[in-house]
C-alpha atoms as a PDB file:
ATOM      1  CA  MET A   1     -18.871  -5.404  64.009  1.00  0.00           C
ATOM      2  CA  GLU A   2     -16.076  -7.909  64.636  1.00  0.00           C
ATOM      3  CA  GLN A   3     -12.746  -7.128  63.031  1.00  0.00           C
ATOM      4  CA  LEU A   4     -11.609  -9.983  60.769  1.00  0.00           C
ATOM      5  CA  ILE A   5      -7.927  -9.045  60.759  1.00  0.00           C
ATOM      6  CA  SER A   6      -6.277  -7.221  63.633  1.00  0.00           C
ATOM      7  CA  LYS A   7      -3.520  -4.636  63.308  1.00  0.00           C
ATOM      8  CA  LYS A   8      -1.126  -7.228  64.729  1.00  0.00           C
ATOM      9  CA  ASP A   9      -2.279  -9.794  62.130  1.00  0.00           C
ATOM     10  CA  VAL A  10      -1.608  -7.321  59.308  1.00  0.00           C
ATOM     11  CA  ALA A  11       1.847  -6.539  60.705  1.00  0.00           C
ATOM     12  CA  ASN A  12       2.775 -10.203  61.123  1.00  0.00           C
ATOM     13  CA  LEU A  13       1.454 -11.122  57.680  1.00  0.00           C
ATOM     14  CA  LEU A  14       3.444  -8.367  55.978  1.00  0.00           C
ATOM     15  CA  LYS A  15       6.623  -9.228  57.860  1.00  0.00           C
ATOM     16  CA  ASP A  16       6.325 -12.987  57.269  1.00  0.00           C
ATOM     17  CA  ALA A  17       5.380 -12.626  53.611  1.00  0.00           C
ATOM     18  CA  ARG A  18       8.291 -10.314  52.828  1.00  0.00           C
ATOM     19  CA  ALA A  19      10.700 -12.677  54.609  1.00  0.00           C
ATOM     20  CA  GLN A  20       9.391 -15.710  52.720  1.00  0.00           C
ATOM     21  CA  CYS A  21       9.637 -13.857  49.419  1.00  0.00           C
ATOM     22  CA  ARG A  22      13.192 -12.876  50.386  1.00  0.00           C
ATOM     23  CA  MET A  23      12.599  -9.274  49.411  1.00  0.00           C
ATOM     24  CA  SER A  24      14.246  -6.240  50.956  1.00  0.00           C
ATOM     25  CA  VAL A  25      12.104  -3.269  51.921  1.00  0.00           C
ATOM     26  CA  GLU A  26      13.757  -1.405  49.056  1.00  0.00           C
ATOM     27  CA  GLU A  27      12.617  -4.110  46.622  1.00  0.00           C
ATOM     28  CA  VAL A  28       9.076  -3.945  48.010  1.00  0.00           C
ATOM     29  CA  ALA A  29       9.070  -0.152  47.685  1.00  0.00           C
ATOM     30  CA  ALA A  30      10.199  -0.489  44.053  1.00  0.00           C
ATOM     31  CA  ALA A  31       7.468  -3.064  43.364  1.00  0.00           C
ATOM     32  CA  LEU A  32       4.869  -0.760  44.929  1.00  0.00           C
ATOM     33  CA  LYS A  33       5.800   1.959  42.434  1.00  0.00           C
ATOM     34  CA  SER A  34       4.173  -0.127  39.687  1.00  0.00           C
ATOM     35  CA  TYR A  35       0.938   0.178  41.703  1.00  0.00           C
ATOM     36  CA  GLY A  36       1.348   3.946  42.038  1.00  0.00           C
ATOM     37  CA  TYR A  37       2.719   4.036  45.601  1.00  0.00           C
ATOM     38  CA  GLU A  38       5.919   5.748  46.693  1.00  0.00           C
ATOM     39  CA  ILE A  39       7.025   4.778  50.197  1.00  0.00           C
ATOM     40  CA  VAL A  40      10.230   4.981  52.177  1.00  0.00           C
ATOM     41  CA  PRO A  41      11.666   1.910  53.941  1.00  0.00           C
ATOM     42  CA  LYS A  42      10.725   3.314  57.361  1.00  0.00           C
ATOM     43  CA  SER A  43       7.036   3.192  56.378  1.00  0.00           C
ATOM     44  CA  MET A  44       7.349  -0.476  55.457  1.00  0.00           C
ATOM     45  CA  TYR A  45       9.014  -1.248  58.790  1.00  0.00           C
ATOM     46  CA  ASN A  46       6.231   0.656  60.574  1.00  0.00           C
ATOM     47  CA  TYR A  47       3.622  -1.483  58.790  1.00  0.00           C
ATOM     48  CA  GLU A  48       5.498  -4.675  59.684  1.00  0.00           C
ATOM     49  CA  ASN A  49       5.847  -3.683  63.337  1.00  0.00           C
ATOM     50  CA  GLY A  50       2.236  -2.581  63.792  1.00  0.00           C
ATOM     51  CA  VAL A  51       3.166   1.070  64.367  1.00  0.00           C
ATOM     52  CA  SER A  52       0.911   2.065  61.484  1.00  0.00           C
ATOM     53  CA  GLN A  53      -1.143   0.344  58.796  1.00  0.00           C
ATOM     54  CA  PRO A  54      -1.022   0.756  55.042  1.00  0.00           C
ATOM     55  CA  PRO A  55      -4.110   2.035  53.264  1.00  0.00           C
ATOM     56  CA  VAL A  56      -6.336  -0.867  52.186  1.00  0.00           C
ATOM     57  CA  SER A  57      -5.487  -0.425  48.510  1.00  0.00           C
ATOM     58  CA  MET A  58      -1.753  -0.525  49.309  1.00  0.00           C
ATOM     59  CA  PHE A  59      -2.256  -3.580  51.530  1.00  0.00           C
ATOM     60  CA  LEU A  60      -3.950  -5.333  48.607  1.00  0.00           C
ATOM     61  CA  ALA A  61      -1.064  -4.335  46.319  1.00  0.00           C
ATOM     62  CA  LEU A  62       1.375  -5.790  48.865  1.00  0.00           C
ATOM     63  CA  CYS A  63      -0.643  -9.005  48.915  1.00  0.00           C
ATOM     64  CA  ARG A  64      -0.362  -9.202  45.121  1.00  0.00           C
ATOM     65  CA  ILE A  65       3.396  -8.596  45.289  1.00  0.00           C
ATOM     66  CA  TYR A  66       3.747 -11.377  47.863  1.00  0.00           C
ATOM     67  CA  GLY A  67       1.434 -13.754  45.970  1.00  0.00           C
ATOM     68  CA  ILE A  68      -1.228 -13.820  48.688  1.00  0.00           C
ATOM     69  CA  GLU A  69      -4.588 -14.672  47.154  1.00  0.00           C
ATOM     70  CA  ASP A  70      -6.623 -15.345  50.308  1.00  0.00           C
ATOM     71  CA  VAL A  71      -5.735 -12.858  53.035  1.00  0.00           C
ATOM     72  CA  ILE A  72      -7.996 -14.405  55.682  1.00  0.00           C
ATOM     73  CA  ALA A  73      -6.532 -17.878  55.117  1.00  0.00           C
ATOM     74  CA  ALA A  74      -2.995 -16.448  55.148  1.00  0.00           C
ATOM     75  CA  VAL A  75      -3.637 -14.865  58.540  1.00  0.00           C
ATOM     76  CA  LYS A  76      -5.544 -17.830  59.975  1.00  0.00           C
ATOM     77  CA  ASP A  77      -3.317 -20.638  58.698  1.00  0.00           C
ATOM     78  CA  GLY A  78      -0.041 -18.759  58.419  1.00  0.00           C
ATOM     79  CA  TYR A  79       1.421 -17.415  55.235  1.00  0.00           C
ATOM     80  CA  THR A  80       3.149 -19.851  52.938  1.00  0.00           C
ATOM     81  CA  ARG A  81       4.367 -18.845  49.536  1.00  0.00           C
ATOM     82  CA  THR A  82       3.056 -20.911  46.643  1.00  0.00           C
ATOM     83  CA  LEU A  83       5.767 -21.782  44.194  1.00  0.00           C
ATOM     84  CA  THR A  84       5.054 -23.251  40.790  1.00  0.00           C
ATOM     85  CA  VAL A  85       7.826 -25.567  39.614  1.00  0.00           C
ATOM     86  CA  THR A  86       8.255 -26.865  36.079  1.00  0.00           C
ATOM     87  CA  ALA A  87       9.203 -30.470  35.325  1.00  0.00           C
ATOM     88  CA  GLN A  88      12.667 -29.305  34.296  1.00  0.00           C
ATOM     89  CA  GLU A  89      13.097 -27.479  37.625  1.00  0.00           C
ATOM     90  CA  GLU A  90      12.024 -30.624  39.493  1.00  0.00           C
ATOM     91  CA  GLN A  91      14.698 -32.601  37.635  1.00  0.00           C
ATOM     92  CA  LEU A  92      17.317 -30.012  38.561  1.00  0.00           C
ATOM     93  CA  VAL A  93      16.370 -30.215  42.231  1.00  0.00           C
ATOM     94  CA  GLU A  94      16.595 -34.007  42.183  1.00  0.00           C
ATOM     95  CA  ARG A  95      19.974 -33.907  40.452  1.00  0.00           C
ATOM     96  CA  PHE A  96      21.217 -31.306  42.924  1.00  0.00           C
ATOM     97  CA  ARG A  97      20.130 -33.450  45.871  1.00  0.00           C
ATOM     98  CA  ARG A  98      21.953 -36.491  44.482  1.00  0.00           C
ATOM     99  CA  ALA A  99      25.134 -34.527  43.715  1.00  0.00           C
ATOM    100  CA  SER A 100      28.182 -34.611  45.939  1.00  0.00           C
ATOM    101  CA  PRO A 101      28.634 -31.752  48.431  1.00  0.00           C
ATOM    102  CA  GLU A 102      31.485 -30.373  46.278  1.00  0.00           C
ATOM    103  CA  LEU A 103      29.298 -30.316  43.179  1.00  0.00           C
ATOM    104  CA  GLN A 104      26.440 -28.697  45.137  1.00  0.00           C
ATOM    105  CA  ARG A 105      28.790 -25.929  46.348  1.00  0.00           C
ATOM    106  CA  ALA A 106      30.049 -25.393  42.783  1.00  0.00           C
ATOM    107  CA  ALA A 107      26.490 -25.179  41.437  1.00  0.00           C
ATOM    108  CA  LEU A 108      25.543 -22.664  44.108  1.00  0.00           C
ATOM    109  CA  ARG A 109      28.579 -20.519  43.280  1.00  0.00           C
ATOM    110  CA  VAL A 110      27.611 -20.488  39.610  1.00  0.00           C
ATOM    111  CA  LEU A 111      23.991 -19.611  40.416  1.00  0.00           C
ATOM    112  CA  GLN A 112      24.779 -16.785  42.857  1.00  0.00           C
ATOM    113  CA  PRO A 113      23.697 -13.440  41.413  1.00  0.00           C
ATOM    114  CA  ALA A 114      26.527 -11.130  40.397  1.00  0.00           C
ATOM    115  CA  GLU A 115      27.037  -8.098  42.616  1.00  0.00           C
ATOM    116  CA  GLY A 116      24.303  -5.561  41.926  1.00  0.00           C
ATOM    117  CA  GLU A 117      22.199  -8.102  40.014  1.00  0.00           C
ATOM    118  CA  GLN A 118      18.671  -8.959  41.162  1.00  0.00           C
ATOM    119  CA  PRO A 119      18.363 -12.579  42.453  1.00  0.00           C
END
């Protein structure tokens, strides 16, 4: 039987998805706890580098955490994170783009998470 997703595909998908979600391995490990999995960062790195593979149920939990609904399409077409934006958020983006560089820098300073705060 032909394998739909190779070990390398799984590794690349996990690495790309985590990067696009801008999550640390510690954040992923914490999110996995809600699915009943306790892992150390080294395990996550091993999954992302193809050294080992997560159990299928954990892989599916990771896909949920990363917002991947169609694993085959994510592997075939490349993972892209789907982001839902409200009308108010669209207006903010447009205003930000039209703002002067000084105002953009000020807005970014205000929006930066405080030290120790989750982004």
